[in-house]
Amino acid sequence: IELAREAESSGFHSLYLPEHTHIPTSRRTPAPTGDPERPEQYGRTVDPIVARAAAAALPALREALEDAGRDPAEVKVVPFGTLPDAGKLAYYEQLGIEEVVLNVPSAPADTVLPLLDRYAAFL
């Protein structure tokens, strides 16, 4: 509840919480970091290859929509799990993306609330 209140008071209009992961829970293969244990954050993020592929496909998606007689402006694409930086957000804006869902770790308030303050600078 505290996270939701702080996000709202900082100017964010949405708070998404993941319900499942796309990364296998089995440890038959090593964690992507090479660590013996999978970091907790990997259980709460989308597959970065899928997310990047979706962003790269935007121009083709817009062209396909136009070819089908649909207005691309009516289709909203929202990258999920974004770690914001000025360059990445400028790139998304250049693609016509107006909204992103930012990645917030599953962590105590003293970790998350300062992160919200840093993210708010991008609003």
PDB file of N, CA and C in Angstrom:
ATOM      1  N   ILE A   1       0.838  -1.190   0.000  1.00  0.00           N
ATOM      2  CA  ILE A   1       0.000   0.000   0.000  1.00  0.00           C
ATOM      3  C   ILE A   1       0.876   1.243   0.000  1.00  0.00           C
ATOM      4  N   GLU A   2       1.957   1.208   0.785  1.00  0.00           N
ATOM      5  CA  GLU A   2       2.850   2.373   0.840  1.00  0.00           C
ATOM      6  C   GLU A   2       3.438   2.672  -0.538  1.00  0.00           C
ATOM      7  N   LEU A   3       3.855   1.624  -1.253  1.00  0.00           N
ATOM      8  CA  LEU A   3       4.418   1.809  -2.589  1.00  0.00           C
ATOM      9  C   LEU A   3       3.402   2.471  -3.514  1.00  0.00           C
ATOM     10  N   ALA A   4       2.170   2.013  -3.504  1.00  0.00           N
ATOM     11  CA  ALA A   4       1.129   2.589  -4.356  1.00  0.00           C
ATOM     12  C   ALA A   4       0.886   4.056  -4.016  1.00  0.00           C
ATOM     13  N   ARG A   5       0.827   4.378  -2.746  1.00  0.00           N
ATOM     14  CA  ARG A   5       0.610   5.782  -2.340  1.00  0.00           C
ATOM     15  C   ARG A   5       1.772   6.670  -2.765  1.00  0.00           C
ATOM     16  N   GLU A   6       2.988   6.175  -2.553  1.00  0.00           N
ATOM     17  CA  GLU A   6       4.166   6.957  -2.932  1.00  0.00           C
ATOM     18  C   GLU A   6       4.250   7.135  -4.452  1.00  0.00           C
ATOM     19  N   ALA A   7       3.936   6.094  -5.199  1.00  0.00           N
ATOM     20  CA  ALA A   7       3.953   6.201  -6.660  1.00  0.00           C
ATOM     21  C   ALA A   7       2.950   7.249  -7.119  1.00  0.00           C
ATOM     22  N   GLU A   8       1.760   7.203  -6.555  1.00  0.00           N
ATOM     23  CA  GLU A   8       0.723   8.171  -6.937  1.00  0.00           C
ATOM     24  C   GLU A   8       1.132   9.590  -6.558  1.00  0.00           C
ATOM     25  N   SER A   9       1.665   9.772  -5.365  1.00  0.00           N
ATOM     26  CA  SER A   9       2.049  11.120  -4.936  1.00  0.00           C
ATOM     27  C   SER A   9       3.241  11.656  -5.723  1.00  0.00           C
ATOM     28  N   SER A  10       4.013  10.755  -6.343  1.00  0.00           N
ATOM     29  CA  SER A  10       5.153  11.175  -7.171  1.00  0.00           C
ATOM     30  C   SER A  10       4.752  11.490  -8.604  1.00  0.00           C
ATOM     31  N   GLY A  11       3.483  11.272  -8.958  1.00  0.00           N
ATOM     32  CA  GLY A  11       3.008  11.612 -10.292  1.00  0.00           C
ATOM     33  C   GLY A  11       2.848  10.430 -11.224  1.00  0.00           C
ATOM     34  N   PHE A  12       3.124   9.205 -10.754  1.00  0.00           N
ATOM     35  CA  PHE A  12       2.908   8.031 -11.597  1.00  0.00           C
ATOM     36  C   PHE A  12       1.422   7.729 -11.639  1.00  0.00           C
ATOM     37  N   HIS A  13       0.925   7.248 -12.772  1.00  0.00           N
ATOM     38  CA  HIS A  13      -0.505   6.980 -12.853  1.00  0.00           C
ATOM     39  C   HIS A  13      -0.854   5.505 -12.816  1.00  0.00           C
ATOM     40  N   SER A  14       0.137   4.624 -12.777  1.00  0.00           N
ATOM     41  CA  SER A  14      -0.138   3.193 -12.730  1.00  0.00           C
ATOM     42  C   SER A  14       0.913   2.482 -11.888  1.00  0.00           C
ATOM     43  N   LEU A  15       0.513   1.367 -11.327  1.00  0.00           N
ATOM     44  CA  LEU A  15       1.419   0.486 -10.603  1.00  0.00           C
ATOM     45  C   LEU A  15       1.071  -0.929 -11.021  1.00  0.00           C
ATOM     46  N   TYR A  16       1.996  -1.590 -11.696  1.00  0.00           N
ATOM     47  CA  TYR A  16       1.785  -2.963 -12.143  1.00  0.00           C
ATOM     48  C   TYR A  16       2.626  -3.893 -11.284  1.00  0.00           C
ATOM     49  N   LEU A  17       2.042  -4.991 -10.883  1.00  0.00           N
ATOM     50  CA  LEU A  17       2.762  -6.005 -10.130  1.00  0.00           C
ATOM     51  C   LEU A  17       2.712  -7.302 -10.913  1.00  0.00           C
ATOM     52  N   PRO A  18       3.862  -7.902 -11.177  1.00  0.00           N
ATOM     53  CA  PRO A  18       3.870  -9.131 -11.986  1.00  0.00           C
ATOM     54  C   PRO A  18       3.167 -10.270 -11.269  1.00  0.00           C
ATOM     55  N   GLU A  19       2.517 -11.117 -12.058  1.00  0.00           N
ATOM     56  CA  GLU A  19       1.806 -12.245 -11.471  1.00  0.00           C
ATOM     57  C   GLU A  19       2.512 -13.568 -11.714  1.00  0.00           C
ATOM     58  N   HIS A  20       3.446 -13.587 -12.652  1.00  0.00           N
ATOM     59  CA  HIS A  20       4.187 -14.810 -12.940  1.00  0.00           C
ATOM     60  C   HIS A  20       5.467 -14.465 -13.681  1.00  0.00           C
ATOM     61  N   THR A  21       6.273 -15.465 -13.917  1.00  0.00           N
ATOM     62  CA  THR A  21       7.544 -15.246 -14.588  1.00  0.00           C
ATOM     63  C   THR A  21       7.626 -16.067 -15.871  1.00  0.00           C
ATOM     64  N   HIS A  22       8.476 -15.651 -16.760  1.00  0.00           N
ATOM     65  CA  HIS A  22       8.734 -16.407 -17.980  1.00  0.00           C
ATOM     66  C   HIS A  22      10.039 -17.190 -17.871  1.00  0.00           C
ATOM     67  N   ILE A  23      10.709 -17.080 -16.759  1.00  0.00           N
ATOM     68  CA  ILE A  23      11.980 -17.758 -16.557  1.00  0.00           C
ATOM     69  C   ILE A  23      11.712 -19.044 -15.780  1.00  0.00           C
ATOM     70  N   PRO A  24      12.224 -20.182 -16.242  1.00  0.00           N
ATOM     71  CA  PRO A  24      11.974 -21.454 -15.543  1.00  0.00           C
ATOM     72  C   PRO A  24      12.454 -21.406 -14.097  1.00  0.00           C
ATOM     73  N   THR A  25      11.717 -22.052 -13.235  1.00  0.00           N
ATOM     74  CA  THR A  25      12.118 -22.114 -11.831  1.00  0.00           C
ATOM     75  C   THR A  25      13.124 -23.230 -11.593  1.00  0.00           C
ATOM     76  N   SER A  26      13.221 -24.164 -12.518  1.00  0.00           N
ATOM     77  CA  SER A  26      14.184 -25.253 -12.394  1.00  0.00           C
ATOM     78  C   SER A  26      15.598 -24.706 -12.533  1.00  0.00           C
ATOM     79  N   ARG A  27      16.527 -25.262 -11.788  1.00  0.00           N
ATOM     80  CA  ARG A  27      17.909 -24.822 -11.878  1.00  0.00           C
ATOM     81  C   ARG A  27      18.762 -25.874 -12.578  1.00  0.00           C
ATOM     82  N   ARG A  28      18.231 -26.503 -13.608  1.00  0.00           N
ATOM     83  CA  ARG A  28      19.032 -27.444 -14.377  1.00  0.00           C
ATOM     84  C   ARG A  28      20.118 -26.720 -15.168  1.00  0.00           C
ATOM     85  N   THR A  29      19.906 -25.450 -15.415  1.00  0.00           N
ATOM     86  CA  THR A  29      20.917 -24.627 -16.077  1.00  0.00           C
ATOM     87  C   THR A  29      21.271 -23.482 -15.133  1.00  0.00           C
ATOM     88  N   PRO A  30      22.473 -22.931 -15.252  1.00  0.00           N
ATOM     89  CA  PRO A  30      22.854 -21.845 -14.341  1.00  0.00           C
ATOM     90  C   PRO A  30      22.031 -20.580 -14.579  1.00  0.00           C
ATOM     91  N   ALA A  31      21.961 -19.764 -13.557  1.00  0.00           N
ATOM     92  CA  ALA A  31      21.276 -18.468 -13.664  1.00  0.00           C
ATOM     93  C   ALA A  31      21.946 -17.641 -14.754  1.00  0.00           C
ATOM     94  N   PRO A  32      21.203 -16.726 -15.407  1.00  0.00           N
ATOM     95  CA  PRO A  32      21.781 -15.935 -16.499  1.00  0.00           C
ATOM     96  C   PRO A  32      22.968 -15.076 -16.072  1.00  0.00           C
ATOM     97  N   THR A  33      23.077 -14.806 -14.797  1.00  0.00           N
ATOM     98  CA  THR A  33      24.184 -13.993 -14.301  1.00  0.00           C
ATOM     99  C   THR A  33      25.443 -14.811 -14.056  1.00  0.00           C
ATOM    100  N   GLY A  34      25.296 -16.148 -14.058  1.00  0.00           N
ATOM    101  CA  GLY A  34      26.415 -17.012 -13.712  1.00  0.00           C
ATOM    102  C   GLY A  34      26.496 -17.279 -12.216  1.00  0.00           C
ATOM    103  N   ASP A  35      25.657 -16.596 -11.443  1.00  0.00           N
ATOM    104  CA  ASP A  35      25.615 -16.820  -9.995  1.00  0.00           C
ATOM    105  C   ASP A  35      25.040 -18.199  -9.703  1.00  0.00           C
ATOM    106  N   PRO A  36      25.407 -18.796  -8.570  1.00  0.00           N
ATOM    107  CA  PRO A  36      24.863 -20.121  -8.254  1.00  0.00           C
ATOM    108  C   PRO A  36      23.347 -20.094  -8.028  1.00  0.00           C
ATOM    109  N   GLU A  37      22.825 -18.981  -7.564  1.00  0.00           N
ATOM    110  CA  GLU A  37      21.377 -18.829  -7.352  1.00  0.00           C
ATOM    111  C   GLU A  37      20.850 -17.740  -8.267  1.00  0.00           C
ATOM    112  N   ARG A  38      19.632 -17.929  -8.753  1.00  0.00           N
ATOM    113  CA  ARG A  38      18.998 -16.915  -9.592  1.00  0.00           C
ATOM    114  C   ARG A  38      18.614 -15.714  -8.731  1.00  0.00           C
ATOM    115  N   PRO A  39      19.051 -14.495  -9.088  1.00  0.00           N
ATOM    116  CA  PRO A  39      18.626 -13.315  -8.333  1.00  0.00           C
ATOM    117  C   PRO A  39      17.098 -13.184  -8.366  1.00  0.00           C
ATOM    118  N   GLU A  40      16.527 -12.741  -7.274  1.00  0.00           N
ATOM    119  CA  GLU A  40      15.075 -12.636  -7.146  1.00  0.00           C
ATOM    120  C   GLU A  40      14.446 -11.810  -8.264  1.00  0.00           C
ATOM    121  N   GLN A  41      15.128 -10.741  -8.711  1.00  0.00           N
ATOM    122  CA  GLN A  41      14.550  -9.866  -9.731  1.00  0.00           C
ATOM    123  C   GLN A  41      14.259 -10.608 -11.026  1.00  0.00           C
ATOM    124  N   TYR A  42      14.982 -11.694 -11.313  1.00  0.00           N
ATOM    125  CA  TYR A  42      14.737 -12.420 -12.547  1.00  0.00           C
ATOM    126  C   TYR A  42      13.413 -13.165 -12.520  1.00  0.00           C
ATOM    127  N   GLY A  43      12.884 -13.388 -11.363  1.00  0.00           N
ATOM    128  CA  GLY A  43      11.578 -14.021 -11.257  1.00  0.00           C
ATOM    129  C   GLY A  43      10.443 -13.036 -11.421  1.00  0.00           C
ATOM    130  N   ARG A  44      10.781 -11.777 -11.632  1.00  0.00           N
ATOM    131  CA  ARG A  44       9.752 -10.736 -11.688  1.00  0.00           C
ATOM    132  C   ARG A  44       9.869  -9.843 -12.917  1.00  0.00           C
ATOM    133  N   THR A  45      10.564 -10.290 -13.945  1.00  0.00           N
ATOM    134  CA  THR A  45      10.724  -9.463 -15.131  1.00  0.00           C
ATOM    135  C   THR A  45      10.333 -10.234 -16.393  1.00  0.00           C
ATOM    136  N   VAL A  46      10.045  -9.490 -17.441  1.00  0.00           N
ATOM    137  CA  VAL A  46       9.738 -10.128 -18.714  1.00  0.00           C
ATOM    138  C   VAL A  46      11.030 -10.498 -19.425  1.00  0.00           C
ATOM    139  N   ASP A  47      10.922 -11.353 -20.396  1.00  0.00           N
ATOM    140  CA  ASP A  47      12.074 -11.770 -21.181  1.00  0.00           C
ATOM    141  C   ASP A  47      12.586 -10.574 -21.978  1.00  0.00           C
ATOM    142  N   PRO A  48      13.833 -10.145 -21.785  1.00  0.00           N
ATOM    143  CA  PRO A  48      14.322  -8.949 -22.478  1.00  0.00           C
ATOM    144  C   PRO A  48      14.398  -9.119 -23.992  1.00  0.00           C
ATOM    145  N   ILE A  49      14.599 -10.330 -24.480  1.00  0.00           N
ATOM    146  CA  ILE A  49      14.642 -10.537 -25.931  1.00  0.00           C
ATOM    147  C   ILE A  49      13.267 -10.289 -26.536  1.00  0.00           C
ATOM    148  N   VAL A  50      12.233 -10.764 -25.865  1.00  0.00           N
ATOM    149  CA  VAL A  50      10.864 -10.537 -26.346  1.00  0.00           C
ATOM    150  C   VAL A  50      10.543  -9.044 -26.324  1.00  0.00           C
ATOM    151  N   ALA A  51      10.915  -8.361 -25.244  1.00  0.00           N
ATOM    152  CA  ALA A  51      10.629  -6.927 -25.145  1.00  0.00           C
ATOM    153  C   ALA A  51      11.363  -6.137 -26.225  1.00  0.00           C
ATOM    154  N   ARG A  52      12.632  -6.472 -26.464  1.00  0.00           N
ATOM    155  CA  ARG A  52      13.394  -5.761 -27.503  1.00  0.00           C
ATOM    156  C   ARG A  52      12.848  -6.071 -28.893  1.00  0.00           C
ATOM    157  N   ALA A  53      12.455  -7.313 -29.098  1.00  0.00           N
ATOM    158  CA  ALA A  53      11.878  -7.680 -30.401  1.00  0.00           C
ATOM    159  C   ALA A  53      10.595  -6.900 -30.643  1.00  0.00           C
ATOM    160  N   ALA A  54       9.800  -6.742 -29.617  1.00  0.00           N
ATOM    161  CA  ALA A  54       8.552  -5.987 -29.768  1.00  0.00           C
ATOM    162  C   ALA A  54       8.848  -4.535 -30.131  1.00  0.00           C
ATOM    163  N   ALA A  55       9.844  -3.935 -29.475  1.00  0.00           N
ATOM    164  CA  ALA A  55      10.186  -2.540 -29.788  1.00  0.00           C
ATOM    165  C   ALA A  55      10.715  -2.422 -31.210  1.00  0.00           C
ATOM    166  N   ALA A  56      11.540  -3.382 -31.628  1.00  0.00           N
ATOM    167  CA  ALA A  56      12.094  -3.351 -32.986  1.00  0.00           C
ATOM    168  C   ALA A  56      11.011  -3.561 -34.035  1.00  0.00           C
ATOM    169  N   ALA A  57       9.936  -4.238 -33.666  1.00  0.00           N
ATOM    170  CA  ALA A  57       8.872  -4.552 -34.621  1.00  0.00           C
ATOM    171  C   ALA A  57       7.885  -3.410 -34.799  1.00  0.00           C
ATOM    172  N   LEU A  58       8.022  -2.334 -34.044  1.00  0.00           N
ATOM    173  CA  LEU A  58       7.036  -1.252 -34.127  1.00  0.00           C
ATOM    174  C   LEU A  58       6.873  -0.675 -35.530  1.00  0.00           C
ATOM    175  N   PRO A  59       7.952  -0.352 -36.243  1.00  0.00           N
ATOM    176  CA  PRO A  59       7.742   0.188 -37.598  1.00  0.00           C
ATOM    177  C   PRO A  59       6.982  -0.793 -38.502  1.00  0.00           C
ATOM    178  N   ALA A  60       7.306  -2.083 -38.413  1.00  0.00           N
ATOM    179  CA  ALA A  60       6.601  -3.084 -39.228  1.00  0.00           C
ATOM    180  C   ALA A  60       5.151  -3.206 -38.803  1.00  0.00           C
ATOM    181  N   LEU A  61       4.900  -3.107 -37.503  1.00  0.00           N
ATOM    182  CA  LEU A  61       3.524  -3.170 -37.009  1.00  0.00           C
ATOM    183  C   LEU A  61       2.714  -1.994 -37.543  1.00  0.00           C
ATOM    184  N   ARG A  62       3.300  -0.807 -37.491  1.00  0.00           N
ATOM    185  CA  ARG A  62       2.576   0.371 -37.990  1.00  0.00           C
ATOM    186  C   ARG A  62       2.262   0.225 -39.489  1.00  0.00           C
ATOM    187  N   GLU A  63       3.228  -0.261 -40.254  1.00  0.00           N
ATOM    188  CA  GLU A  63       3.020  -0.448 -41.692  1.00  0.00           C
ATOM    189  C   GLU A  63       1.912  -1.475 -41.948  1.00  0.00           C
ATOM    190  N   ALA A  64       1.925  -2.567 -41.185  1.00  0.00           N
ATOM    191  CA  ALA A  64       0.891  -3.602 -41.355  1.00  0.00           C
ATOM    192  C   ALA A  64      -0.490  -3.047 -41.008  1.00  0.00           C
ATOM    193  N   LEU A  65      -0.565  -2.227 -39.986  1.00  0.00           N
ATOM    194  CA  LEU A  65      -1.845  -1.622 -39.618  1.00  0.00           C
ATOM    195  C   LEU A  65      -2.348  -0.696 -40.725  1.00  0.00           C
ATOM    196  N   GLU A  66      -1.442   0.130 -41.254  1.00  0.00           N
ATOM    197  CA  GLU A  66      -1.829   1.030 -42.340  1.00  0.00           C
ATOM    198  C   GLU A  66      -2.297   0.246 -43.566  1.00  0.00           C
ATOM    199  N   ASP A  67      -1.573  -0.842 -43.893  1.00  0.00           N
ATOM    200  CA  ASP A  67      -1.957  -1.682 -45.032  1.00  0.00           C
ATOM    201  C   ASP A  67      -3.343  -2.291 -44.834  1.00  0.00           C
ATOM    202  N   ALA A  68      -3.703  -2.524 -43.584  1.00  0.00           N
ATOM    203  CA  ALA A  68      -5.010  -3.118 -43.277  1.00  0.00           C
ATOM    204  C   ALA A  68      -6.091  -2.055 -43.116  1.00  0.00           C
ATOM    205  N   GLY A  69      -5.718  -0.783 -43.337  1.00  0.00           N
ATOM    206  CA  GLY A  69      -6.700   0.291 -43.236  1.00  0.00           C
ATOM    207  C   GLY A  69      -6.987   0.733 -41.813  1.00  0.00           C
ATOM    208  N   ARG A  70      -6.081   0.415 -40.899  1.00  0.00           N
ATOM    209  CA  ARG A  70      -6.271   0.819 -39.501  1.00  0.00           C
ATOM    210  C   ARG A  70      -5.316   1.950 -39.155  1.00  0.00           C
ATOM    211  N   ASP A  71      -5.714   2.764 -38.220  1.00  0.00           N
ATOM    212  CA  ASP A  71      -4.909   3.894 -37.784  1.00  0.00           C
ATOM    213  C   ASP A  71      -3.899   3.420 -36.729  1.00  0.00           C
ATOM    214  N   PRO A  72      -2.594   3.467 -37.037  1.00  0.00           N
ATOM    215  CA  PRO A  72      -1.597   3.021 -36.057  1.00  0.00           C
ATOM    216  C   PRO A  72      -1.660   3.805 -34.742  1.00  0.00           C
ATOM    217  N   ALA A  73      -2.139   5.031 -34.783  1.00  0.00           N
ATOM    218  CA  ALA A  73      -2.235   5.836 -33.568  1.00  0.00           C
ATOM    219  C   ALA A  73      -3.236   5.242 -32.569  1.00  0.00           C
ATOM    220  N   GLU A  74      -4.126   4.377 -33.054  1.00  0.00           N
ATOM    221  CA  GLU A  74      -5.113   3.755 -32.163  1.00  0.00           C
ATOM    222  C   GLU A  74      -4.555   2.539 -31.428  1.00  0.00           C
ATOM    223  N   VAL A  75      -3.371   2.080 -31.816  1.00  0.00           N
ATOM    224  CA  VAL A  75      -2.758   0.918 -31.172  1.00  0.00           C
ATOM    225  C   VAL A  75      -1.700   1.418 -30.198  1.00  0.00           C
ATOM    226  N   LYS A  76      -1.867   1.081 -28.947  1.00  0.00           N
ATOM    227  CA  LYS A  76      -0.951   1.544 -27.919  1.00  0.00           C
ATOM    228  C   LYS A  76       0.050   0.442 -27.594  1.00  0.00           C
ATOM    229  N   VAL A  77       1.339   0.761 -27.687  1.00  0.00           N
ATOM    230  CA  VAL A  77       2.411  -0.163 -27.325  1.00  0.00           C
ATOM    231  C   VAL A  77       3.058   0.383 -26.060  1.00  0.00           C
ATOM    232  N   VAL A  78       3.140  -0.466 -25.020  1.00  0.00           N
ATOM    233  CA  VAL A  78       3.691  -0.042 -23.735  1.00  0.00           C
ATOM    234  C   VAL A  78       4.787  -1.023 -23.316  1.00  0.00           C
ATOM    235  N   PRO A  79       6.068  -0.629 -23.437  1.00  0.00           N
ATOM    236  CA  PRO A  79       7.150  -1.504 -22.967  1.00  0.00           C
ATOM    237  C   PRO A  79       7.022  -1.740 -21.461  1.00  0.00           C
ATOM    238  N   PHE A  80       7.202  -2.982 -21.059  1.00  0.00           N
ATOM    239  CA  PHE A  80       7.017  -3.391 -19.668  1.00  0.00           C
ATOM    240  C   PHE A  80       8.360  -3.734 -19.041  1.00  0.00           C
ATOM    241  N   GLY A  81       8.554  -3.331 -17.800  1.00  0.00           N
ATOM    242  CA  GLY A  81       9.774  -3.681 -17.079  1.00  0.00           C
ATOM    243  C   GLY A  81      10.971  -2.831 -17.455  1.00  0.00           C
ATOM    244  N   THR A  82      10.728  -1.594 -17.851  1.00  0.00           N
ATOM    245  CA  THR A  82      11.784  -0.699 -18.321  1.00  0.00           C
ATOM    246  C   THR A  82      12.627  -0.177 -17.163  1.00  0.00           C
ATOM    247  N   LEU A  83      13.936  -0.184 -17.365  1.00  0.00           N
ATOM    248  CA  LEU A  83      14.862   0.521 -16.475  1.00  0.00           C
ATOM    249  C   LEU A  83      15.188   1.829 -17.186  1.00  0.00           C
ATOM    250  N   PRO A  84      14.644   2.952 -16.706  1.00  0.00           N
ATOM    251  CA  PRO A  84      14.716   4.184 -17.489  1.00  0.00           C
ATOM    252  C   PRO A  84      16.088   4.840 -17.507  1.00  0.00           C
ATOM    253  N   ASP A  85      16.422   5.376 -18.658  1.00  0.00           N
ATOM    254  CA  ASP A  85      17.511   6.321 -18.805  1.00  0.00           C
ATOM    255  C   ASP A  85      17.091   7.249 -19.938  1.00  0.00           C
ATOM    256  N   ALA A  86      17.691   8.419 -19.983  1.00  0.00           N
ATOM    257  CA  ALA A  86      17.254   9.447 -20.940  1.00  0.00           C
ATOM    258  C   ALA A  86      17.329   8.952 -22.378  1.00  0.00           C
ATOM    259  N   GLY A  87      18.401   8.244 -22.740  1.00  0.00           N
ATOM    260  CA  GLY A  87      18.561   7.756 -24.111  1.00  0.00           C
ATOM    261  C   GLY A  87      17.492   6.747 -24.496  1.00  0.00           C
ATOM    262  N   LYS A  88      17.223   5.813 -23.615  1.00  0.00           N
ATOM    263  CA  LYS A  88      16.218   4.787 -23.905  1.00  0.00           C
ATOM    264  C   LYS A  88      14.834   5.418 -24.046  1.00  0.00           C
ATOM    265  N   LEU A  89      14.498   6.328 -23.143  1.00  0.00           N
ATOM    266  CA  LEU A  89      13.184   6.965 -23.206  1.00  0.00           C
ATOM    267  C   LEU A  89      13.048   7.851 -24.445  1.00  0.00           C
ATOM    268  N   ALA A  90      14.139   8.504 -24.849  1.00  0.00           N
ATOM    269  CA  ALA A  90      14.107   9.296 -26.083  1.00  0.00           C
ATOM    270  C   ALA A  90      13.898   8.392 -27.294  1.00  0.00           C
ATOM    271  N   TYR A  91      14.542   7.237 -27.294  1.00  0.00           N
ATOM    272  CA  TYR A  91      14.364   6.277 -28.385  1.00  0.00           C
ATOM    273  C   TYR A  91      12.915   5.810 -28.451  1.00  0.00           C
ATOM    274  N   TYR A  92      12.346   5.450 -27.304  1.00  0.00           N
ATOM    275  CA  TYR A  92      10.936   5.038 -27.279  1.00  0.00           C
ATOM    276  C   TYR A  92      10.038   6.161 -27.801  1.00  0.00           C
ATOM    277  N   GLU A  93      10.331   7.390 -27.383  1.00  0.00           N
ATOM    278  CA  GLU A  93       9.520   8.527 -27.842  1.00  0.00           C
ATOM    279  C   GLU A  93       9.626   8.682 -29.360  1.00  0.00           C
ATOM    280  N   GLN A  94      10.822   8.486 -29.913  1.00  0.00           N
ATOM    281  CA  GLN A  94      11.030   8.568 -31.358  1.00  0.00           C
ATOM    282  C   GLN A  94      10.182   7.518 -32.079  1.00  0.00           C
ATOM    283  N   LEU A  95       9.970   6.371 -31.445  1.00  0.00           N
ATOM    284  CA  LEU A  95       9.138   5.314 -32.021  1.00  0.00           C
ATOM    285  C   LEU A  95       7.646   5.589 -31.867  1.00  0.00           C
ATOM    286  N   GLY A  96       7.304   6.651 -31.134  1.00  0.00           N
ATOM    287  CA  GLY A  96       5.901   6.979 -30.923  1.00  0.00           C
ATOM    288  C   GLY A  96       5.325   6.393 -29.651  1.00  0.00           C
ATOM    289  N   ILE A  97       6.181   5.838 -28.809  1.00  0.00           N
ATOM    290  CA  ILE A  97       5.728   5.274 -27.536  1.00  0.00           C
ATOM    291  C   ILE A  97       5.584   6.413 -26.535  1.00  0.00           C
ATOM    292  N   GLU A  98       4.423   6.469 -25.898  1.00  0.00           N
ATOM    293  CA  GLU A  98       4.130   7.551 -24.967  1.00  0.00           C
ATOM    294  C   GLU A  98       4.108   7.113 -23.510  1.00  0.00           C
ATOM    295  N   GLU A  99       4.201   5.811 -23.272  1.00  0.00           N
ATOM    296  CA  GLU A  99       4.114   5.296 -21.903  1.00  0.00           C
ATOM    297  C   GLU A  99       4.994   4.063 -21.774  1.00  0.00           C
ATOM    298  N   VAL A 100       5.645   3.916 -20.616  1.00  0.00           N
ATOM    299  CA  VAL A 100       6.403   2.706 -20.309  1.00  0.00           C
ATOM    300  C   VAL A 100       6.036   2.274 -18.893  1.00  0.00           C
ATOM    301  N   VAL A 101       6.199   1.000 -18.617  1.00  0.00           N
ATOM    302  CA  VAL A 101       6.027   0.467 -17.270  1.00  0.00           C
ATOM    303  C   VAL A 101       7.426   0.252 -16.723  1.00  0.00           C
ATOM    304  N   LEU A 102       7.742   0.962 -15.648  1.00  0.00           N
ATOM    305  CA  LEU A 102       9.088   0.923 -15.094  1.00  0.00           C
ATOM    306  C   LEU A 102       9.289  -0.277 -14.178  1.00  0.00           C
ATOM    307  N   ASN A 103      10.512  -0.774 -14.135  1.00  0.00           N
ATOM    308  CA  ASN A 103      10.873  -1.898 -13.288  1.00  0.00           C
ATOM    309  C   ASN A 103      11.164  -1.393 -11.889  1.00  0.00           C
ATOM    310  N   VAL A 104      10.442  -1.912 -10.911  1.00  0.00           N
ATOM    311  CA  VAL A 104      10.671  -1.589  -9.508  1.00  0.00           C
ATOM    312  C   VAL A 104      10.968  -2.904  -8.800  1.00  0.00           C
ATOM    313  N   PRO A 105      12.086  -2.991  -8.088  1.00  0.00           N
ATOM    314  CA  PRO A 105      12.450  -4.263  -7.461  1.00  0.00           C
ATOM    315  C   PRO A 105      11.514  -4.636  -6.317  1.00  0.00           C
ATOM    316  N   SER A 106      11.466  -5.907  -6.045  1.00  0.00           N
ATOM    317  CA  SER A 106      10.774  -6.397  -4.859  1.00  0.00           C
ATOM    318  C   SER A 106      11.743  -6.207  -3.707  1.00  0.00           C
ATOM    319  N   ALA A 107      11.577  -5.105  -2.988  1.00  0.00           N
ATOM    320  CA  ALA A 107      12.542  -4.738  -1.953  1.00  0.00           C
ATOM    321  C   ALA A 107      11.848  -3.903  -0.888  1.00  0.00           C
ATOM    322  N   PRO A 108      12.503  -3.700   0.243  1.00  0.00           N
ATOM    323  CA  PRO A 108      11.920  -2.869   1.305  1.00  0.00           C
ATOM    324  C   PRO A 108      11.756  -1.416   0.860  1.00  0.00           C
ATOM    325  N   ALA A 109      10.913  -0.704   1.586  1.00  0.00           N
ATOM    326  CA  ALA A 109      10.606   0.691   1.258  1.00  0.00           C
ATOM    327  C   ALA A 109      11.850   1.560   1.172  1.00  0.00           C
ATOM    328  N   ASP A 110      12.849   1.336   2.043  1.00  0.00           N
ATOM    329  CA  ASP A 110      14.038   2.197   2.008  1.00  0.00           C
ATOM    330  C   ASP A 110      14.853   2.020   0.740  1.00  0.00           C
ATOM    331  N   THR A 111      14.609   0.965  -0.003  1.00  0.00           N
ATOM    332  CA  THR A 111      15.228   0.767  -1.315  1.00  0.00           C
ATOM    333  C   THR A 111      14.340   1.290  -2.431  1.00  0.00           C
ATOM    334  N   VAL A 112      13.042   0.998  -2.342  1.00  0.00           N
ATOM    335  CA  VAL A 112      12.122   1.312  -3.436  1.00  0.00           C
ATOM    336  C   VAL A 112      11.745   2.790  -3.493  1.00  0.00           C
ATOM    337  N   LEU A 113      11.497   3.412  -2.361  1.00  0.00           N
ATOM    338  CA  LEU A 113      11.022   4.803  -2.384  1.00  0.00           C
ATOM    339  C   LEU A 113      12.049   5.779  -2.963  1.00  0.00           C
ATOM    340  N   PRO A 114      13.343   5.672  -2.654  1.00  0.00           N
ATOM    341  CA  PRO A 114      14.314   6.542  -3.327  1.00  0.00           C
ATOM    342  C   PRO A 114      14.375   6.278  -4.831  1.00  0.00           C
ATOM    343  N   LEU A 115      14.160   5.029  -5.225  1.00  0.00           N
ATOM    344  CA  LEU A 115      14.135   4.707  -6.650  1.00  0.00           C
ATOM    345  C   LEU A 115      12.965   5.412  -7.335  1.00  0.00           C
ATOM    346  N   LEU A 116      11.803   5.440  -6.680  1.00  0.00           N
ATOM    347  CA  LEU A 116      10.653   6.174  -7.240  1.00  0.00           C
ATOM    348  C   LEU A 116      10.992   7.649  -7.423  1.00  0.00           C
ATOM    349  N   ASP A 117      11.709   8.213  -6.475  1.00  0.00           N
ATOM    350  CA  ASP A 117      12.111   9.624  -6.598  1.00  0.00           C
ATOM    351  C   ASP A 117      12.997   9.835  -7.829  1.00  0.00           C
ATOM    352  N   ARG A 118      13.940   8.906  -8.080  1.00  0.00           N
ATOM    353  CA  ARG A 118      14.802   9.023  -9.260  1.00  0.00           C
ATOM    354  C   ARG A 118      13.981   8.853 -10.547  1.00  0.00           C
ATOM    355  N   TYR A 119      13.057   7.887 -10.538  1.00  0.00           N
ATOM    356  CA  TYR A 119      12.199   7.668 -11.707  1.00  0.00           C
ATOM    357  C   TYR A 119      11.314   8.870 -11.991  1.00  0.00           C
ATOM    358  N   ALA A 120      10.856   9.557 -10.937  1.00  0.00           N
ATOM    359  CA  ALA A 120       9.958  10.697 -11.106  1.00  0.00           C
ATOM    360  C   ALA A 120      10.604  11.808 -11.929  1.00  0.00           C
ATOM    361  N   ALA A 121      11.924  11.869 -11.939  1.00  0.00           N
ATOM    362  CA  ALA A 121      12.625  12.887 -12.741  1.00  0.00           C
ATOM    363  C   ALA A 121      12.354  12.712 -14.229  1.00  0.00           C
ATOM    364  N   PHE A 122      11.921  11.511 -14.652  1.00  0.00           N
ATOM    365  CA  PHE A 122      11.644  11.247 -16.055  1.00  0.00           C
ATOM    366  C   PHE A 122      10.214  11.563 -16.458  1.00  0.00           C
ATOM    367  N   LEU A 123       9.367  11.927 -15.490  1.00  0.00           N
ATOM    368  CA  LEU A 123       7.960  12.231 -15.812  1.00  0.00           C
ATOM    369  C   LEU A 123       7.824  13.539 -16.544  1.00  0.00           C
TER     370      LEU A 123
END
